[in-house]
Amino acid sequence: MEATTKFKDEGEALVQLAEAYKKIDREIKKVIIGQQEIIDQLLISLFSRGHCLIVGVPGLAKTLLISTLAEVLDLKFSRIQFTPDLMPSDITGTDIIEEDMGSGRKSFRFIKGPVFANIVLADEINRTPPKTQSALLEAMQEHKVTAGGETHTLQEPFFVLATQNPIEQEGTYPLPEAQLDRFMFNLWIEYPTFKEETDIVKSTTSDYLAKLEKVMTAEEITVFQEAIRKIPVADNVIDYAVQLVGRTRPENPKAPDYIKNWINWGAGPRASQYLIFGAKTRAALQGRFTPDINDVKACAVPVLRHRIVTNFNAEAENVNALQIVEKLMSDQQ
């Protein structure tokens, strides 16, 4: 669908998106207290056609936030609890033998799995073996599912949010770097402030029940996604994004000495692409028609954090990926 089928032009679509963003934010805040940055980054990823990997300890309302987002956007929501015995067909679906009672003939019929939804929550994705992880990651990349020799197209928009628990790592199957790279953002949910936690306790221990209004439909989201893709970006903004990603690579002659000392592998070209997609979407949500370097900077941490591989030197000096990305941005003004 082209943006012009819904609006006069892309400019009008972007104006409407900025207004809709305010309404979405207002509705989500009826249920979710705090976490403004996480909400913004989730919306940026959704409208950029990306996916998110969310890391946070239990009880920080990850599932509630995602299900609330799906309800406000009037999207089909599906939750998959990843466990060691989960099979790929439990995610994608399976063929069953069906008998026609009239003719007696038997045929295969495909039963769709939970991946056939607009928003899929992959809860604790690192608790299932790589074979099952890859079934979901293929759907993320291709927006299609192949079963029994037939290809089934997933309904748009298709948005995957995978969660990981940072506390327990025994008996888990960490995502390989190549699979981590398919996630646009890596978001870390922090503990709420004292005031936020007080408000959370008050609202969740009473009989208050928020009534959410649907702000947007799946069809409208695809229109906005198309409009965002057509946003122009200045060359200096693209140069900044590419240079920032390039400086994460130890073999780059322009990389700082601390990068060569702390990092084994830097981010690939997909990081540059996602920085620009994120910058475009952030600008659009704020009612601007083109992004600037500050938009790239705002997306740098969630885009780069999971794409750089630190080495023993970094571990010995107690330096993590977040600190390296922040140091890079402070150096590259």
Protein backbone atom coordinates (compact mmCIF):
# COMPACT_ATOMS: atom_id res chain seq x y z
CA MET A 1 0.00 0.00 0.00
CA GLU A 2 1.30 3.42 -0.90
CA ALA A 3 1.07 6.28 1.57
CA THR A 4 -0.80 8.34 -1.02
CA THR A 5 -3.77 5.92 -0.90
CA LYS A 6 -4.52 7.12 2.63
CA PHE A 7 -3.24 10.70 2.61
CA LYS A 8 -2.69 13.36 -0.03
CA ASP A 9 1.08 12.92 0.23
CA GLU A 10 3.83 11.68 2.53
CA GLY A 11 3.98 15.07 4.28
CA GLU A 12 0.38 14.81 5.43
CA ALA A 13 0.99 11.22 6.56
CA LEU A 14 3.92 12.33 8.72
CA VAL A 15 1.88 15.13 10.28
CA GLN A 16 -0.82 12.61 11.18
CA LEU A 17 1.79 10.22 12.58
CA ALA A 18 3.14 12.87 14.95
CA GLU A 19 -0.40 13.49 16.23
CA ALA A 20 -1.09 9.78 16.56
CA TYR A 21 2.14 9.30 18.51
CA LYS A 22 0.91 11.70 21.19
CA LYS A 23 -2.33 9.74 21.49
CA ILE A 24 -0.51 6.39 21.64
CA ASP A 25 1.81 7.68 24.36
CA ARG A 26 -1.15 9.01 26.35
CA GLU A 27 -3.03 5.70 26.15
CA ILE A 28 -0.01 3.58 27.12
CA LYS A 29 0.60 5.79 30.16
CA LYS A 30 -2.84 4.85 31.46
CA VAL A 31 -1.33 1.43 32.22
CA ILE A 32 2.46 1.84 32.21
CA ILE A 33 4.09 4.19 34.73
CA GLY A 34 7.47 5.59 33.74
CA GLN A 35 9.66 3.85 31.12
CA GLN A 36 9.23 6.77 28.70
CA GLU A 37 12.48 6.06 26.86
CA ILE A 38 11.59 2.38 26.41
CA ILE A 39 8.14 3.29 25.06
CA ASP A 40 9.67 5.71 22.55
CA GLN A 41 12.25 3.19 21.41
CA LEU A 42 9.62 0.48 20.97
CA LEU A 43 7.57 2.78 18.76
CA ILE A 44 10.65 3.81 16.78
CA SER A 45 11.45 0.16 16.14
CA LEU A 46 7.87 -0.68 15.18
CA PHE A 47 7.50 2.12 12.64
CA SER A 48 10.99 1.38 11.28
CA ARG A 49 9.96 -2.24 10.60
CA GLY A 50 12.54 -3.47 13.07
CA HIS A 51 12.48 -5.90 16.00
CA CYS A 52 13.55 -5.48 19.63
CA LEU A 53 15.48 -7.56 22.13
CA ILE A 54 14.49 -6.48 25.64
CA VAL A 55 16.63 -7.31 28.67
CA GLY A 56 15.30 -6.85 32.18
CA VAL A 57 14.75 -8.65 35.46
CA PRO A 58 11.33 -10.20 36.13
CA GLY A 59 8.50 -7.94 37.28
CA LEU A 60 9.31 -4.81 35.27
CA ALA A 61 6.10 -5.02 33.19
CA LYS A 62 7.74 -6.12 29.93
CA THR A 63 4.77 -8.31 28.95
CA LEU A 64 2.23 -5.73 30.12
CA LEU A 65 3.92 -2.98 28.10
CA ILE A 66 3.94 -5.04 24.91
CA SER A 67 0.35 -6.29 25.26
CA THR A 68 -0.81 -2.73 26.01
CA LEU A 69 0.97 -1.48 22.89
CA ALA A 70 -0.78 -4.15 20.82
CA GLU A 71 -4.18 -3.21 22.25
CA VAL A 72 -3.72 0.52 21.64
CA LEU A 73 -2.62 -0.13 18.05
CA ASP A 74 -5.43 -2.68 17.49
CA LEU A 75 -2.95 -5.39 16.54
CA LYS A 76 -3.12 -9.15 17.04
CA PHE A 77 -0.86 -10.07 19.96
CA SER A 78 0.74 -13.44 20.62
CA ARG A 79 2.99 -14.56 23.46
CA ILE A 80 5.37 -17.52 23.17
CA GLN A 81 6.99 -18.79 26.35
CA PHE A 82 10.34 -20.22 25.25
CA THR A 83 11.33 -23.40 27.08
CA PRO A 84 14.02 -26.07 26.45
CA ASP A 85 11.44 -28.50 25.00
CA LEU A 86 9.86 -26.02 22.60
CA MET A 87 9.94 -27.23 18.98
CA PRO A 88 10.05 -25.07 15.78
CA SER A 89 6.57 -26.29 14.80
CA ASP A 90 5.25 -24.97 18.14
CA ILE A 91 6.11 -21.51 16.82
CA THR A 92 5.47 -21.66 13.08
CA GLY A 93 2.63 -24.17 12.99
CA THR A 94 2.24 -27.71 11.67
CA ASP A 95 0.46 -29.78 9.02
CA ILE A 96 -2.27 -32.12 10.22
CA ILE A 97 -4.07 -34.89 8.34
CA GLU A 98 -7.71 -34.04 7.78
CA GLU A 99 -10.31 -36.48 6.45
CA ASP A 100 -13.24 -35.39 4.30
CA MET A 101 -16.25 -37.14 5.89
CA GLY A 102 -18.15 -37.14 2.59
CA SER A 103 -15.55 -38.56 0.21
CA GLY A 104 -13.30 -40.24 2.73
CA ARG A 105 -10.25 -38.56 1.22
CA LYS A 106 -7.44 -37.41 3.44
CA SER A 107 -5.38 -34.26 2.97
CA PHE A 108 -2.93 -32.09 4.86
CA ARG A 109 -4.08 -28.84 6.40
CA PHE A 110 -1.71 -26.26 7.87
CA ILE A 111 -2.52 -25.07 11.36
CA LYS A 112 -0.94 -21.68 11.97
CA GLY A 113 1.28 -21.25 15.00
CA PRO A 114 1.52 -18.26 17.34
CA VAL A 115 4.03 -16.52 15.05
CA PHE A 116 1.06 -15.57 12.85
CA ALA A 117 0.33 -12.35 14.71
CA ASN A 118 1.22 -8.68 14.34
CA ILE A 119 3.13 -8.41 17.61
CA VAL A 120 4.90 -11.51 18.89
CA LEU A 121 6.40 -11.61 22.38
CA ALA A 122 9.19 -14.20 22.50
CA ASP A 123 9.50 -14.55 26.26
CA GLU A 124 12.98 -15.64 27.44
CA ILE A 125 14.18 -16.52 23.94
CA ASN A 126 17.54 -17.72 25.28
CA ARG A 127 15.91 -20.65 27.13
CA THR A 128 15.24 -22.66 23.97
CA PRO A 129 17.80 -24.43 21.73
CA PRO A 130 19.18 -22.73 18.57
CA LYS A 131 17.01 -24.87 16.27
CA THR A 132 13.86 -23.37 17.74
CA GLN A 133 15.34 -19.87 17.98
CA SER A 134 16.13 -19.96 14.26
CA ALA A 135 12.49 -20.72 13.39
CA LEU A 136 11.47 -17.36 14.83
CA LEU A 137 14.49 -15.51 13.44
CA GLU A 138 13.72 -16.73 9.91
CA ALA A 139 10.22 -15.28 10.22
CA MET A 140 11.73 -12.00 11.46
CA GLN A 141 14.01 -11.73 8.44
CA GLU A 142 11.74 -12.97 5.65
CA HIS A 143 8.28 -12.24 7.11
CA LYS A 144 7.40 -15.70 5.82
CA VAL A 145 7.07 -19.23 7.20
CA THR A 146 7.84 -22.37 5.20
CA ALA A 147 6.14 -25.60 6.25
CA GLY A 148 5.53 -28.78 4.29
CA GLY A 149 7.11 -27.26 1.21
CA GLU A 150 4.67 -24.33 1.18
CA THR A 151 5.41 -20.71 2.01
CA HIS A 152 2.99 -18.77 4.17
CA THR A 153 3.27 -14.98 4.29
CA LEU A 154 2.93 -13.27 7.66
CA GLN A 155 0.48 -10.44 8.09
CA GLU A 156 1.91 -6.92 8.15
CA PRO A 157 2.96 -5.24 10.30
CA PHE A 158 5.07 -7.97 11.89
CA PHE A 159 6.94 -6.98 15.04
CA VAL A 160 8.92 -9.33 17.30
CA LEU A 161 9.93 -8.44 20.84
CA ALA A 162 12.19 -11.02 22.45
CA THR A 163 13.03 -10.87 26.15
CA GLN A 164 16.02 -12.15 28.11
CA ASN A 165 16.56 -12.41 31.85
CA PRO A 166 20.02 -11.01 32.74
CA ILE A 167 20.17 -12.81 36.09
CA GLU A 168 20.17 -16.53 35.29
CA GLN A 169 22.38 -17.77 32.46
CA GLU A 170 22.82 -21.42 33.48
CA GLY A 171 21.09 -23.80 31.09
CA THR A 172 20.42 -21.09 28.52
CA TYR A 173 21.32 -20.81 24.84
CA PRO A 174 22.61 -17.29 24.18
CA LEU A 175 21.78 -15.92 20.75
CA PRO A 176 24.77 -16.02 18.36
CA GLU A 177 26.08 -12.66 17.12
CA ALA A 178 24.64 -13.22 13.63
CA GLN A 179 21.17 -13.67 15.12
CA LEU A 180 21.53 -10.77 17.54
CA ASP A 181 22.25 -8.61 14.51
CA ARG A 182 18.70 -9.14 13.26
CA PHE A 183 17.31 -7.14 16.17
CA MET A 184 17.19 -3.42 15.45
CA PHE A 185 17.32 -2.39 19.11
CA ASN A 186 18.62 -3.95 22.30
CA LEU A 187 16.71 -2.31 25.15
CA TRP A 188 17.55 -2.60 28.85
CA ILE A 189 14.64 -1.94 31.21
CA GLU A 190 15.81 -0.43 34.48
CA TYR A 191 14.16 -0.41 37.90
CA PRO A 192 11.57 2.34 38.44
CA THR A 193 12.30 5.37 40.59
CA PHE A 194 10.86 5.59 44.12
CA LYS A 195 8.03 7.86 42.91
CA GLU A 196 7.26 5.61 39.94
CA GLU A 197 7.22 2.48 42.09
CA THR A 198 4.94 4.17 44.61
CA ASP A 199 2.49 5.02 41.80
CA ILE A 200 2.76 1.46 40.46
CA VAL A 201 1.86 -0.03 43.83
CA LYS A 202 -1.08 2.36 44.27
CA SER A 203 -2.56 1.62 40.85
CA THR A 204 -2.03 -2.16 40.87
CA THR A 205 -3.31 -2.81 44.39
CA SER A 206 -6.64 -1.03 43.86
CA ASP A 207 -9.68 -1.79 41.74
CA TYR A 208 -8.60 0.69 39.06
CA LEU A 209 -8.96 -0.67 35.54
CA ALA A 210 -7.77 1.48 32.66
CA LYS A 211 -9.97 1.75 29.57
CA LEU A 212 -7.76 1.91 26.52
CA GLU A 213 -8.81 3.49 23.24
CA LYS A 214 -7.58 2.09 19.95
CA VAL A 215 -5.53 4.76 18.21
CA MET A 216 -4.37 3.10 15.02
CA THR A 217 -5.01 0.08 12.80
CA ALA A 218 -2.61 -2.33 11.14
CA GLU A 219 -3.40 -0.80 7.73
CA GLU A 220 -2.54 2.69 8.96
CA ILE A 221 0.74 1.48 10.47
CA THR A 222 1.88 0.07 7.11
CA VAL A 223 1.04 3.41 5.49
CA PHE A 224 3.12 5.30 8.04
CA GLN A 225 5.98 2.83 7.61
CA GLU A 226 6.01 3.51 3.87
CA ALA A 227 5.94 7.28 4.46
CA ILE A 228 8.89 7.09 6.86
CA ARG A 229 10.98 5.21 4.29
CA LYS A 230 10.59 8.15 1.90
CA ILE A 231 11.93 10.75 4.35
CA PRO A 232 15.06 12.42 2.91
CA VAL A 233 18.28 12.40 4.95
CA ALA A 234 21.13 14.90 4.60
CA ASP A 235 24.52 13.51 3.57
CA ASN A 236 26.22 14.77 6.72
CA VAL A 237 23.77 12.78 8.87
CA ILE A 238 24.44 9.58 6.90
CA ASP A 239 28.19 10.25 7.07
CA TYR A 240 28.00 10.62 10.85
CA ALA A 241 26.13 7.31 11.22
CA VAL A 242 28.52 5.39 8.95
CA GLN A 243 31.61 6.90 10.58
CA LEU A 244 30.28 6.07 14.06
CA VAL A 245 29.69 2.44 13.10
CA GLY A 246 33.04 2.25 11.31
CA ARG A 247 34.88 3.42 14.41
CA THR A 248 33.60 0.35 16.32
CA ARG A 249 35.77 -1.90 14.09
CA PRO A 250 39.29 -2.58 15.44
CA GLU A 251 40.76 -2.97 11.94
CA ASN A 252 39.58 0.51 10.92
CA PRO A 253 42.61 2.87 10.79
CA LYS A 254 40.42 5.65 12.22
CA ALA A 255 39.31 3.57 15.20
CA PRO A 256 40.55 4.90 18.57
CA ASP A 257 43.16 2.93 20.48
CA TYR A 258 40.67 1.87 23.14
CA ILE A 259 38.51 0.24 20.44
CA LYS A 260 41.49 -1.80 19.25
CA ASN A 261 42.24 -2.73 22.85
CA TRP A 262 38.71 -3.60 24.02
CA ILE A 263 36.83 -4.94 20.97
CA ASN A 264 37.30 -8.10 18.90
CA TRP A 265 34.53 -7.43 16.38
CA GLY A 266 32.70 -4.23 15.55
CA ALA A 267 29.24 -3.56 14.14
CA GLY A 268 28.35 -4.38 10.53
CA PRO A 269 26.54 -2.36 7.84
CA ARG A 270 23.12 -3.29 9.25
CA ALA A 271 23.94 -1.04 12.22
CA SER A 272 24.39 1.94 9.87
CA GLN A 273 21.08 1.16 8.20
CA TYR A 274 19.23 0.91 11.50
CA LEU A 275 20.76 4.15 12.76
CA ILE A 276 19.28 5.97 9.77
CA PHE A 277 15.93 4.16 9.97
CA GLY A 278 15.73 4.99 13.67
CA ALA A 279 16.71 8.62 13.07
CA LYS A 280 14.04 8.99 10.38
CA THR A 281 11.34 7.52 12.61
CA ARG A 282 12.34 9.54 15.66
CA ALA A 283 12.17 12.73 13.63
CA ALA A 284 8.76 11.77 12.21
CA LEU A 285 7.30 10.99 15.63
CA GLN A 286 8.42 14.42 16.82
CA GLY A 287 6.82 16.14 13.83
CA ARG A 288 10.01 16.86 11.86
CA PHE A 289 10.39 16.10 8.17
CA THR A 290 14.08 15.17 8.19
CA PRO A 291 16.41 13.79 10.88
CA ASP A 292 19.57 15.39 12.24
CA ILE A 293 22.68 14.05 13.96
CA ASN A 294 20.98 14.20 17.38
CA ASP A 295 18.45 11.64 16.13
CA VAL A 296 21.30 9.31 15.17
CA LYS A 297 22.89 9.79 18.60
CA ALA A 298 19.60 8.97 20.33
CA CYS A 299 19.50 5.60 18.53
CA ALA A 300 23.20 4.77 18.86
CA VAL A 301 23.16 2.90 22.18
CA PRO A 302 20.25 0.49 21.46
CA VAL A 303 21.53 -0.13 17.91
CA LEU A 304 25.21 -0.71 18.74
CA ARG A 305 25.16 -2.22 22.23
CA HIS A 306 24.53 -5.81 21.05
CA ARG A 307 26.59 -5.55 17.87
CA ILE A 308 30.08 -5.11 19.31
CA VAL A 309 32.00 -8.03 20.78
CA THR A 310 34.27 -7.08 23.66
CA ASN A 311 37.40 -9.07 24.53
CA PHE A 312 39.23 -10.17 27.66
CA ASN A 313 40.94 -6.79 28.05
CA ALA A 314 37.57 -5.05 28.38
CA GLU A 315 36.36 -7.64 30.85
CA ALA A 316 39.55 -7.31 32.91
CA GLU A 317 39.11 -3.54 33.04
CA ASN A 318 35.40 -3.89 33.85
CA VAL A 319 34.35 -2.08 30.67
CA ASN A 320 31.06 -3.04 28.97
CA ALA A 321 29.59 -2.36 25.53
CA LEU A 322 27.40 0.49 26.79
CA GLN A 323 30.38 2.40 28.16
CA ILE A 324 32.30 1.91 24.90
CA VAL A 325 29.43 3.23 22.77
CA GLU A 326 28.97 6.26 25.03
CA LYS A 327 32.71 6.99 24.90
CA LEU A 328 32.67 6.74 21.11
CA MET A 329 29.82 9.25 20.84
CA SER A 330 31.49 11.69 23.23
CA ASP A 331 34.68 11.51 21.15
CA GLN A 332 32.89 11.94 17.81
CA GLN A 333 31.33 15.40 18.03
